[in-house]
Amino acid sequence: MRQEWEPEDLIEVWTLLEEDQERLRNKSGANRLGFALLLKFFEVEARFPEDAGEIPVPAVSVAQQVRVPAEEWAAYDWAGRAIKRHRMEIRPTGSPRACVTRPRPRRRRRPPNS
């Protein structure tokens, strides 16, 4: 994911919509901010970040939208149960690999030589 963002692009991509805010209502602190950042990252990249370094620094402005201090981002646990649960909530069908694997293209069969 790119790390440099124009203000207009940052607003367009990283602004939480009403339904995004609804998904955050039962989360607080670092988990609230972490979930929001994972959600928006997934919408852009169709995958989850490997680590916090993949999240563009300007995107942490999402903290203002979720009313959590940006410093809380450092406390988000990248190896715990919460991130696993967050990933399951974000994936469209809740399946472990939804939207991550792509179907293989079907090969066309050649007609037999006549």
C-alpha atoms as a PDB file:
ATOM      1  CA  MET A   1       0.000   0.000   0.000  1.00  0.00           C
ATOM      2  CA  ARG A   2       1.233   3.429  -0.799  1.00  0.00           C
ATOM      3  CA  GLN A   3       2.469   5.507   2.112  1.00  0.00           C
ATOM      4  CA  GLU A   4       2.026   8.980   0.590  1.00  0.00           C
ATOM      5  CA  TRP A   5      -1.531  10.275   0.242  1.00  0.00           C
ATOM      6  CA  GLU A   6      -3.011  13.457  -1.159  1.00  0.00           C
ATOM      7  CA  PRO A   7      -5.550  14.991   1.251  1.00  0.00           C
ATOM      8  CA  GLU A   8      -8.473  14.316  -1.118  1.00  0.00           C
ATOM      9  CA  ASP A   9      -7.512  10.657  -1.515  1.00  0.00           C
ATOM     10  CA  LEU A  10      -6.999  10.257   2.206  1.00  0.00           C
ATOM     11  CA  ILE A  11     -10.498  11.567   2.859  1.00  0.00           C
ATOM     12  CA  GLU A  12     -12.084   9.456   0.118  1.00  0.00           C
ATOM     13  CA  VAL A  13     -10.438   6.180   1.100  1.00  0.00           C
ATOM     14  CA  TRP A  14      -9.982   6.419   4.866  1.00  0.00           C
ATOM     15  CA  THR A  15     -13.250   8.091   5.903  1.00  0.00           C
ATOM     16  CA  LEU A  16     -15.470   5.745   7.873  1.00  0.00           C
ATOM     17  CA  LEU A  17     -19.000   5.413   6.562  1.00  0.00           C
ATOM     18  CA  GLU A  18     -22.068   5.119   8.758  1.00  0.00           C
ATOM     19  CA  GLU A  19     -22.122   1.316   8.455  1.00  0.00           C
ATOM     20  CA  ASP A  20     -18.410   1.235   9.374  1.00  0.00           C
ATOM     21  CA  GLN A  21     -19.161   3.254  12.500  1.00  0.00           C
ATOM     22  CA  GLU A  22     -21.935   0.801  13.374  1.00  0.00           C
ATOM     23  CA  ARG A  23     -19.449  -2.080  13.274  1.00  0.00           C
ATOM     24  CA  LEU A  24     -17.259  -0.238  15.790  1.00  0.00           C
ATOM     25  CA  ARG A  25     -19.881   0.358  18.463  1.00  0.00           C
ATOM     26  CA  ASN A  26     -18.875  -2.547  20.721  1.00  0.00           C
ATOM     27  CA  LYS A  27     -15.121  -1.842  20.527  1.00  0.00           C
ATOM     28  CA  SER A  28     -12.988   0.575  22.494  1.00  0.00           C
ATOM     29  CA  GLY A  29      -9.465   1.939  22.738  1.00  0.00           C
ATOM     30  CA  ALA A  30      -6.739   0.294  20.660  1.00  0.00           C
ATOM     31  CA  ASN A  31      -9.163  -2.395  19.453  1.00  0.00           C
ATOM     32  CA  ARG A  32     -11.558   0.225  18.116  1.00  0.00           C
ATOM     33  CA  LEU A  33      -8.817   2.012  16.209  1.00  0.00           C
ATOM     34  CA  GLY A  34      -7.188  -1.222  15.070  1.00  0.00           C
ATOM     35  CA  PHE A  35     -10.462  -2.601  13.735  1.00  0.00           C
ATOM     36  CA  ALA A  36     -11.174   0.623  11.832  1.00  0.00           C
ATOM     37  CA  LEU A  37      -7.726   0.637  10.229  1.00  0.00           C
ATOM     38  CA  LEU A  38      -7.907  -3.056   9.305  1.00  0.00           C
ATOM     39  CA  LEU A  39     -11.346  -2.499   7.786  1.00  0.00           C
ATOM     40  CA  LYS A  40     -10.280   0.395   5.576  1.00  0.00           C
ATOM     41  CA  PHE A  41      -7.001  -1.300   4.609  1.00  0.00           C
ATOM     42  CA  PHE A  42      -8.935  -4.429   3.596  1.00  0.00           C
ATOM     43  CA  GLU A  43     -11.328  -2.349   1.474  1.00  0.00           C
ATOM     44  CA  VAL A  44      -8.386  -0.912  -0.475  1.00  0.00           C
ATOM     45  CA  GLU A  45      -6.043  -3.893  -0.711  1.00  0.00           C
ATOM     46  CA  ALA A  46      -8.432  -6.890  -0.451  1.00  0.00           C
ATOM     47  CA  ARG A  47      -6.050  -8.330   2.133  1.00  0.00           C
ATOM     48  CA  PHE A  48      -4.938  -7.592   5.673  1.00  0.00           C
ATOM     49  CA  PRO A  49      -1.686  -5.828   6.565  1.00  0.00           C
ATOM     50  CA  GLU A  50       1.169  -8.036   7.746  1.00  0.00           C
ATOM     51  CA  ASP A  51       2.153  -5.530  10.430  1.00  0.00           C
ATOM     52  CA  ALA A  52       1.532  -1.982  11.613  1.00  0.00           C
ATOM     53  CA  GLY A  53       4.191  -0.656   9.243  1.00  0.00           C
ATOM     54  CA  GLU A  54       1.931  -1.305   6.264  1.00  0.00           C
ATOM     55  CA  ILE A  55      -0.665   1.159   7.529  1.00  0.00           C
ATOM     56  CA  PRO A  56       0.141   4.590   6.061  1.00  0.00           C
ATOM     57  CA  VAL A  57       0.967   7.090   8.798  1.00  0.00           C
ATOM     58  CA  PRO A  58      -1.621   9.610   7.521  1.00  0.00           C
ATOM     59  CA  ALA A  59      -4.310   6.912   7.770  1.00  0.00           C
ATOM     60  CA  VAL A  60      -3.968   6.971  11.537  1.00  0.00           C
ATOM     61  CA  SER A  61      -6.075  10.132  11.233  1.00  0.00           C
ATOM     62  CA  VAL A  62      -8.921   7.615  11.458  1.00  0.00           C
ATOM     63  CA  ALA A  63      -8.292   7.923  15.209  1.00  0.00           C
ATOM     64  CA  GLN A  64     -10.120  11.261  15.180  1.00  0.00           C
ATOM     65  CA  GLN A  65     -13.142   9.645  13.538  1.00  0.00           C
ATOM     66  CA  VAL A  66     -13.339   6.875  16.129  1.00  0.00           C
ATOM     67  CA  ARG A  67     -12.527   9.227  19.026  1.00  0.00           C
ATOM     68  CA  VAL A  68      -9.475   7.278  20.165  1.00  0.00           C
ATOM     69  CA  PRO A  69      -6.062   8.896  20.702  1.00  0.00           C
ATOM     70  CA  ALA A  70      -3.725   8.032  17.804  1.00  0.00           C
ATOM     71  CA  GLU A  71      -1.157   6.848  20.343  1.00  0.00           C
ATOM     72  CA  GLU A  72      -3.442   3.883  21.073  1.00  0.00           C
ATOM     73  CA  TRP A  73      -2.437   2.428  17.704  1.00  0.00           C
ATOM     74  CA  ALA A  74       0.876   1.337  19.245  1.00  0.00           C
ATOM     75  CA  ALA A  75      -1.060  -0.781  21.781  1.00  0.00           C
ATOM     76  CA  TYR A  76      -2.972  -2.802  19.164  1.00  0.00           C
ATOM     77  CA  ASP A  77      -2.072  -6.482  19.618  1.00  0.00           C
ATOM     78  CA  TRP A  78      -0.982  -8.009  16.296  1.00  0.00           C
ATOM     79  CA  ALA A  79      -0.761 -11.532  17.686  1.00  0.00           C
ATOM     80  CA  GLY A  80      -3.736 -11.824  20.022  1.00  0.00           C
ATOM     81  CA  ARG A  81      -7.284 -13.057  19.822  1.00  0.00           C
ATOM     82  CA  ALA A  82      -8.717  -9.636  19.053  1.00  0.00           C
ATOM     83  CA  ILE A  83      -7.014  -9.255  15.663  1.00  0.00           C
ATOM     84  CA  LYS A  84      -8.104 -12.765  14.670  1.00  0.00           C
ATOM     85  CA  ARG A  85     -11.672 -11.928  15.629  1.00  0.00           C
ATOM     86  CA  HIS A  86     -11.457  -8.595  13.793  1.00  0.00           C
ATOM     87  CA  ARG A  87     -10.305 -10.324  10.619  1.00  0.00           C
ATOM     88  CA  MET A  88     -13.219 -12.743  10.842  1.00  0.00           C
ATOM     89  CA  GLU A  89     -15.658  -9.860  11.289  1.00  0.00           C
ATOM     90  CA  ILE A  90     -14.228  -7.972   8.320  1.00  0.00           C
ATOM     91  CA  ARG A  91     -14.134 -10.836   5.828  1.00  0.00           C
ATOM     92  CA  PRO A  92     -17.366 -10.725   3.836  1.00  0.00           C
ATOM     93  CA  THR A  93     -18.568 -14.264   4.561  1.00  0.00           C
ATOM     94  CA  GLY A  94     -16.658 -14.881   7.741  1.00  0.00           C
ATOM     95  CA  SER A  95     -14.742 -17.705   6.076  1.00  0.00           C
ATOM     96  CA  PRO A  96     -10.995 -17.803   6.659  1.00  0.00           C
ATOM     97  CA  ARG A  97     -10.119 -17.260   3.018  1.00  0.00           C
ATOM     98  CA  ALA A  98     -13.006 -15.232   1.581  1.00  0.00           C
ATOM     99  CA  CYS A  99     -11.800 -12.577  -0.850  1.00  0.00           C
ATOM    100  CA  VAL A 100      -8.212 -13.642  -0.365  1.00  0.00           C
ATOM    101  CA  THR A 101      -7.919 -16.450  -2.878  1.00  0.00           C
ATOM    102  CA  ARG A 102      -8.810 -15.978  -6.477  1.00  0.00           C
ATOM    103  CA  PRO A 103     -10.481 -18.677  -8.545  1.00  0.00           C
ATOM    104  CA  ARG A 104      -8.299 -20.285 -11.166  1.00  0.00           C
ATOM    105  CA  PRO A 105      -9.182 -19.438 -14.745  1.00  0.00           C
ATOM    106  CA  ARG A 106     -10.804 -22.294 -16.590  1.00  0.00           C
ATOM    107  CA  ARG A 107      -8.772 -23.737 -19.407  1.00  0.00           C
ATOM    108  CA  ARG A 108     -10.469 -24.118 -22.716  1.00  0.00           C
ATOM    109  CA  ARG A 109     -10.409 -27.564 -24.159  1.00  0.00           C
ATOM    110  CA  ARG A 110      -9.047 -27.889 -27.636  1.00  0.00           C
ATOM    111  CA  PRO A 111     -11.225 -29.695 -30.123  1.00  0.00           C
ATOM    112  CA  PRO A 112      -9.783 -33.032 -31.224  1.00  0.00           C
ATOM    113  CA  ASN A 113      -7.845 -32.976 -34.484  1.00  0.00           C
ATOM    114  CA  SER A 114     -10.051 -34.079 -37.333  1.00  0.00           C
END
